[in-house]
Amino acid sequence: MSAPPVIVTDMFKHTESATRSEISRLEHTGIRATILRSYHGQSLRRLATMLRHPRSLARVNPGWRPPTLHVTTPESGRLDITVSRKRVSPHARALLRDEGYDSTAAYMVQLRFTHPDGRRCARSEAEAWIRALLPDEDASKVHEITTALTPTLCWLVTASGRVVDSPADWFGTVSDGEPTAA
């Protein structure tokens, strides 16, 4: 049985025709990101470290599990942020180059946001964590996989960790439904 198609959106790209509710959501998310930077600085630093740590690199070993950061917020209680990286293949780099994007991408980073009690994690909560984690100029380079049951955000980075542009429709799926760079 083949995996369902993955729908990817440019989560943070905005147009001049944004509705009032979209603008309100963006302002609210920006405020939440500021609060996260103020009160969860240590968690954000740990998350940034996990992004670069060798253990976050996906393995073919069936026993491998991606590292998870457990945080507690007054707003939503406990939140688990699972971190994984996948290598970008030479073929994928060639596709990026052919489409006019930076072909130095080395990894696809994926963050998955879940509540351990099974409640759905709000998209705005995941967006706030990303906005708190990444510099403002990199926010538009993050893509959300909207077919995932829980907020799942992806972006490409160089070997040094610099976020690079990538097309939203460039991400696909493998047999287990996980996103993978072409």
C-alpha atoms as a PDB file:
ATOM      1  CA  MET A   1       0.000   0.000   0.000  1.00  0.00           C
ATOM      2  CA  SER A   2       1.493   3.333  -0.995  1.00  0.00           C
ATOM      3  CA  ALA A   3       1.787   6.246   1.382  1.00  0.00           C
ATOM      4  CA  PRO A   4      -0.668   9.138   1.033  1.00  0.00           C
ATOM      5  CA  PRO A   5       0.708  12.234  -0.664  1.00  0.00           C
ATOM      6  CA  VAL A   6       2.249  14.839   1.578  1.00  0.00           C
ATOM      7  CA  ILE A   7       1.023  18.386   1.291  1.00  0.00           C
ATOM      8  CA  VAL A   8       3.667  20.960   2.104  1.00  0.00           C
ATOM      9  CA  THR A   9       3.043  24.661   2.551  1.00  0.00           C
ATOM     10  CA  ASP A  10       5.282  27.657   3.021  1.00  0.00           C
ATOM     11  CA  MET A  11       4.238  28.174   6.610  1.00  0.00           C
ATOM     12  CA  PHE A  12       5.561  31.662   7.153  1.00  0.00           C
ATOM     13  CA  LYS A  13       5.312  33.279   3.729  1.00  0.00           C
ATOM     14  CA  HIS A  14       2.759  36.060   3.680  1.00  0.00           C
ATOM     15  CA  THR A  15       1.139  38.083   0.944  1.00  0.00           C
ATOM     16  CA  GLU A  16      -0.120  41.639   0.942  1.00  0.00           C
ATOM     17  CA  SER A  17      -3.651  40.240   0.725  1.00  0.00           C
ATOM     18  CA  ALA A  18      -3.477  38.607   4.161  1.00  0.00           C
ATOM     19  CA  THR A  19      -6.783  38.645   6.024  1.00  0.00           C
ATOM     20  CA  ARG A  20      -7.253  40.289   9.407  1.00  0.00           C
ATOM     21  CA  SER A  21      -7.411  36.908  11.124  1.00  0.00           C
ATOM     22  CA  GLU A  22      -4.113  35.874   9.460  1.00  0.00           C
ATOM     23  CA  ILE A  23      -2.475  39.120  10.550  1.00  0.00           C
ATOM     24  CA  SER A  24      -3.835  38.667  14.077  1.00  0.00           C
ATOM     25  CA  ARG A  25      -2.507  35.079  14.165  1.00  0.00           C
ATOM     26  CA  LEU A  26       0.927  36.253  13.002  1.00  0.00           C
ATOM     27  CA  GLU A  27       1.046  38.993  15.632  1.00  0.00           C
ATOM     28  CA  HIS A  28      -0.027  36.516  18.328  1.00  0.00           C
ATOM     29  CA  THR A  29       2.622  34.024  17.171  1.00  0.00           C
ATOM     30  CA  GLY A  30       5.283  36.741  17.281  1.00  0.00           C
ATOM     31  CA  ILE A  31       4.316  37.607  20.850  1.00  0.00           C
ATOM     32  CA  ARG A  32       4.415  33.922  21.815  1.00  0.00           C
ATOM     33  CA  ALA A  33       7.878  33.590  20.229  1.00  0.00           C
ATOM     34  CA  THR A  34       9.116  36.551  22.281  1.00  0.00           C
ATOM     35  CA  ILE A  35       7.737  34.963  25.447  1.00  0.00           C
ATOM     36  CA  LEU A  36       9.405  31.647  24.567  1.00  0.00           C
ATOM     37  CA  ARG A  37      12.751  33.411  24.063  1.00  0.00           C
ATOM     38  CA  SER A  38      12.364  35.093  27.459  1.00  0.00           C
ATOM     39  CA  TYR A  39      11.209  32.142  29.538  1.00  0.00           C
ATOM     40  CA  HIS A  40      12.458  29.103  27.622  1.00  0.00           C
ATOM     41  CA  GLY A  41      15.904  30.266  26.516  1.00  0.00           C
ATOM     42  CA  GLN A  42      17.573  27.168  27.944  1.00  0.00           C
ATOM     43  CA  SER A  43      15.121  24.871  26.135  1.00  0.00           C
ATOM     44  CA  LEU A  44      15.703  26.744  22.873  1.00  0.00           C
ATOM     45  CA  ARG A  45      19.489  26.402  23.306  1.00  0.00           C
ATOM     46  CA  ARG A  46      19.090  22.665  23.974  1.00  0.00           C
ATOM     47  CA  LEU A  47      16.905  22.355  20.870  1.00  0.00           C
ATOM     48  CA  ALA A  48      19.513  24.185  18.762  1.00  0.00           C
ATOM     49  CA  THR A  49      22.184  21.826  20.114  1.00  0.00           C
ATOM     50  CA  MET A  50      20.029  18.796  19.306  1.00  0.00           C
ATOM     51  CA  LEU A  51      19.712  20.010  15.705  1.00  0.00           C
ATOM     52  CA  ARG A  52      23.487  19.715  15.283  1.00  0.00           C
ATOM     53  CA  HIS A  53      24.050  16.624  17.420  1.00  0.00           C
ATOM     54  CA  PRO A  54      25.044  13.421  15.549  1.00  0.00           C
ATOM     55  CA  ARG A  55      22.239  11.490  17.265  1.00  0.00           C
ATOM     56  CA  SER A  56      19.607  13.550  15.409  1.00  0.00           C
ATOM     57  CA  LEU A  57      20.861  12.183  12.070  1.00  0.00           C
ATOM     58  CA  ALA A  58      18.368   9.525  10.910  1.00  0.00           C
ATOM     59  CA  ARG A  59      19.746   5.987  10.882  1.00  0.00           C
ATOM     60  CA  VAL A  60      18.681   2.824   9.069  1.00  0.00           C
ATOM     61  CA  ASN A  61      19.125   0.888  12.319  1.00  0.00           C
ATOM     62  CA  PRO A  62      15.615  -0.236  13.400  1.00  0.00           C
ATOM     63  CA  GLY A  63      16.459   0.596  17.018  1.00  0.00           C
ATOM     64  CA  TRP A  64      17.214   4.255  16.267  1.00  0.00           C
ATOM     65  CA  ARG A  65      14.780   6.788  17.675  1.00  0.00           C
ATOM     66  CA  PRO A  66      15.066  10.521  17.116  1.00  0.00           C
ATOM     67  CA  PRO A  67      15.958  12.609  20.163  1.00  0.00           C
ATOM     68  CA  THR A  68      13.061  14.373  21.870  1.00  0.00           C
ATOM     69  CA  LEU A  69      13.087  17.532  23.938  1.00  0.00           C
ATOM     70  CA  HIS A  70      10.463  17.539  26.707  1.00  0.00           C
ATOM     71  CA  VAL A  71       9.320  21.028  27.711  1.00  0.00           C
ATOM     72  CA  THR A  72       6.565  22.268  29.987  1.00  0.00           C
ATOM     73  CA  THR A  73       4.694  25.451  29.215  1.00  0.00           C
ATOM     74  CA  PRO A  74       1.989  27.078  31.339  1.00  0.00           C
ATOM     75  CA  GLU A  75      -0.193  27.473  28.257  1.00  0.00           C
ATOM     76  CA  SER A  76      -0.306  23.882  27.031  1.00  0.00           C
ATOM     77  CA  GLY A  77       1.388  21.737  29.650  1.00  0.00           C
ATOM     78  CA  ARG A  78       3.980  19.234  28.501  1.00  0.00           C
ATOM     79  CA  LEU A  79       5.150  19.373  24.905  1.00  0.00           C
ATOM     80  CA  ASP A  80       7.492  16.941  23.159  1.00  0.00           C
ATOM     81  CA  ILE A  81       9.615  18.229  20.267  1.00  0.00           C
ATOM     82  CA  THR A  82      11.177  15.429  18.237  1.00  0.00           C
ATOM     83  CA  VAL A  83      14.234  16.323  16.155  1.00  0.00           C
ATOM     84  CA  SER A  84      15.574  14.485  13.129  1.00  0.00           C
ATOM     85  CA  ARG A  85      17.873  15.263  10.225  1.00  0.00           C
ATOM     86  CA  LYS A  86      18.180  13.439   6.934  1.00  0.00           C
ATOM     87  CA  ARG A  87      21.016  13.790   4.458  1.00  0.00           C
ATOM     88  CA  VAL A  88      20.250  15.549   1.198  1.00  0.00           C
ATOM     89  CA  SER A  89      21.311  13.342  -1.705  1.00  0.00           C
ATOM     90  CA  PRO A  90      23.505  14.539  -4.592  1.00  0.00           C
ATOM     91  CA  HIS A  91      20.468  14.069  -6.861  1.00  0.00           C
ATOM     92  CA  ALA A  92      18.412  16.360  -4.620  1.00  0.00           C
ATOM     93  CA  ARG A  93      21.178  18.982  -4.631  1.00  0.00           C
ATOM     94  CA  ALA A  94      21.189  18.853  -8.434  1.00  0.00           C
ATOM     95  CA  LEU A  95      17.410  19.389  -8.461  1.00  0.00           C
ATOM     96  CA  LEU A  96      17.797  22.381  -6.170  1.00  0.00           C
ATOM     97  CA  ARG A  97      20.516  23.830  -8.391  1.00  0.00           C
ATOM     98  CA  ASP A  98      18.380  23.274 -11.523  1.00  0.00           C
ATOM     99  CA  GLU A  99      15.466  25.111  -9.882  1.00  0.00           C
ATOM    100  CA  GLY A 100      17.690  28.067  -8.960  1.00  0.00           C
ATOM    101  CA  TYR A 101      18.079  27.333  -5.246  1.00  0.00           C
ATOM    102  CA  ASP A 102      21.228  27.076  -3.127  1.00  0.00           C
ATOM    103  CA  SER A 103      22.648  23.624  -3.844  1.00  0.00           C
ATOM    104  CA  THR A 104      24.826  23.504  -0.714  1.00  0.00           C
ATOM    105  CA  ALA A 105      22.016  21.959   1.364  1.00  0.00           C
ATOM    106  CA  ALA A 106      23.381  19.045   3.372  1.00  0.00           C
ATOM    107  CA  TYR A 107      20.438  18.099   5.615  1.00  0.00           C
ATOM    108  CA  MET A 108      16.681  18.288   5.837  1.00  0.00           C
ATOM    109  CA  VAL A 109      15.723  19.138   9.416  1.00  0.00           C
ATOM    110  CA  GLN A 110      12.371  17.980  10.733  1.00  0.00           C
ATOM    111  CA  LEU A 111      10.694  18.992  13.994  1.00  0.00           C
ATOM    112  CA  ARG A 112       7.537  17.218  15.130  1.00  0.00           C
ATOM    113  CA  PHE A 113       5.442  18.690  17.943  1.00  0.00           C
ATOM    114  CA  THR A 114       3.290  16.400  20.103  1.00  0.00           C
ATOM    115  CA  HIS A 115       1.584  16.288  23.473  1.00  0.00           C
ATOM    116  CA  PRO A 116       2.327  13.049  25.354  1.00  0.00           C
ATOM    117  CA  ASP A 117      -1.304  12.763  26.477  1.00  0.00           C
ATOM    118  CA  GLY A 118      -2.513  12.562  22.870  1.00  0.00           C
ATOM    119  CA  ARG A 119      -3.991  16.055  22.599  1.00  0.00           C
ATOM    120  CA  ARG A 120      -3.407  17.790  19.309  1.00  0.00           C
ATOM    121  CA  CYS A 121      -0.683  20.392  19.330  1.00  0.00           C
ATOM    122  CA  ALA A 122      -1.847  23.723  17.936  1.00  0.00           C
ATOM    123  CA  ARG A 123      -0.174  24.815  14.716  1.00  0.00           C
ATOM    124  CA  SER A 124       0.352  28.264  16.238  1.00  0.00           C
ATOM    125  CA  GLU A 125       2.245  26.716  19.156  1.00  0.00           C
ATOM    126  CA  ALA A 126       4.649  24.926  16.795  1.00  0.00           C
ATOM    127  CA  GLU A 127       5.031  28.084  14.723  1.00  0.00           C
ATOM    128  CA  ALA A 128       5.906  30.093  17.843  1.00  0.00           C
ATOM    129  CA  TRP A 129       8.662  27.616  18.786  1.00  0.00           C
ATOM    130  CA  ILE A 130      10.113  27.804  15.250  1.00  0.00           C
ATOM    131  CA  ARG A 131       9.979  31.609  15.254  1.00  0.00           C
ATOM    132  CA  ALA A 132      11.725  31.629  18.642  1.00  0.00           C
ATOM    133  CA  LEU A 133      14.367  29.139  17.461  1.00  0.00           C
ATOM    134  CA  LEU A 134      15.285  30.565  14.044  1.00  0.00           C
ATOM    135  CA  PRO A 135      16.311  34.091  13.061  1.00  0.00           C
ATOM    136  CA  ASP A 136      13.462  36.152  11.560  1.00  0.00           C
ATOM    137  CA  GLU A 137      15.011  36.108   8.080  1.00  0.00           C
ATOM    138  CA  ASP A 138      14.904  32.282   8.055  1.00  0.00           C
ATOM    139  CA  ALA A 139      11.245  31.900   9.056  1.00  0.00           C
ATOM    140  CA  SER A 140      10.044  32.014   5.431  1.00  0.00           C
ATOM    141  CA  LYS A 141      12.261  29.026   4.586  1.00  0.00           C
ATOM    142  CA  VAL A 142      10.311  26.659   6.861  1.00  0.00           C
ATOM    143  CA  HIS A 143       7.690  24.334   5.392  1.00  0.00           C
ATOM    144  CA  GLU A 144       4.804  22.648   7.186  1.00  0.00           C
ATOM    145  CA  ILE A 145       3.684  19.175   6.186  1.00  0.00           C
ATOM    146  CA  THR A 146      -0.056  19.687   6.496  1.00  0.00           C
ATOM    147  CA  THR A 147      -1.030  16.041   6.029  1.00  0.00           C
ATOM    148  CA  ALA A 148       0.775  15.026   9.220  1.00  0.00           C
ATOM    149  CA  LEU A 149      -1.428  14.355  12.245  1.00  0.00           C
ATOM    150  CA  THR A 150       0.658  16.684  14.368  1.00  0.00           C
ATOM    151  CA  PRO A 151       2.555  19.853  13.397  1.00  0.00           C
ATOM    152  CA  THR A 152       5.607  18.730  11.424  1.00  0.00           C
ATOM    153  CA  LEU A 153       7.965  21.406  10.135  1.00  0.00           C
ATOM    154  CA  CYS A 154      10.884  20.959   7.738  1.00  0.00           C
ATOM    155  CA  TRP A 155      13.682  23.059   6.303  1.00  0.00           C
ATOM    156  CA  LEU A 156      17.054  22.597   4.635  1.00  0.00           C
ATOM    157  CA  VAL A 157      20.403  23.513   6.157  1.00  0.00           C
ATOM    158  CA  THR A 158      24.015  23.519   5.027  1.00  0.00           C
ATOM    159  CA  ALA A 159      26.649  21.401   6.775  1.00  0.00           C
ATOM    160  CA  SER A 160      27.360  24.392   9.040  1.00  0.00           C
ATOM    161  CA  GLY A 161      23.673  24.722   9.971  1.00  0.00           C
ATOM    162  CA  ARG A 162      22.767  27.768   7.857  1.00  0.00           C
ATOM    163  CA  VAL A 163      19.123  27.612   6.710  1.00  0.00           C
ATOM    164  CA  VAL A 164      18.722  27.687   2.910  1.00  0.00           C
ATOM    165  CA  ASP A 165      15.743  28.361   0.640  1.00  0.00           C
ATOM    166  CA  SER A 166      13.849  25.410  -0.789  1.00  0.00           C
ATOM    167  CA  PRO A 167      10.638  24.991  -2.774  1.00  0.00           C
ATOM    168  CA  ALA A 168       7.648  23.786  -0.726  1.00  0.00           C
ATOM    169  CA  ASP A 169       6.592  21.274  -3.367  1.00  0.00           C
ATOM    170  CA  TRP A 170      10.050  19.722  -3.396  1.00  0.00           C
ATOM    171  CA  PHE A 171       9.391  17.496  -0.385  1.00  0.00           C
ATOM    172  CA  GLY A 172       7.967  14.006  -0.888  1.00  0.00           C
ATOM    173  CA  THR A 173       7.276  10.824   1.055  1.00  0.00           C
ATOM    174  CA  VAL A 174       8.834   7.434   1.475  1.00  0.00           C
ATOM    175  CA  SER A 175       6.942   4.228   2.229  1.00  0.00           C
ATOM    176  CA  ASP A 176       6.426   4.992   5.925  1.00  0.00           C
ATOM    177  CA  GLY A 177       4.905   8.405   5.190  1.00  0.00           C
ATOM    178  CA  GLU A 178       7.877  10.325   6.579  1.00  0.00           C
ATOM    179  CA  PRO A 179       8.905  13.411   4.611  1.00  0.00           C
ATOM    180  CA  THR A 180      12.121  13.121   2.694  1.00  0.00           C
ATOM    181  CA  ALA A 181      14.050  15.444   0.455  1.00  0.00           C
ATOM    182  CA  ALA A 182      13.817  14.321  -3.174  1.00  0.00           C
END
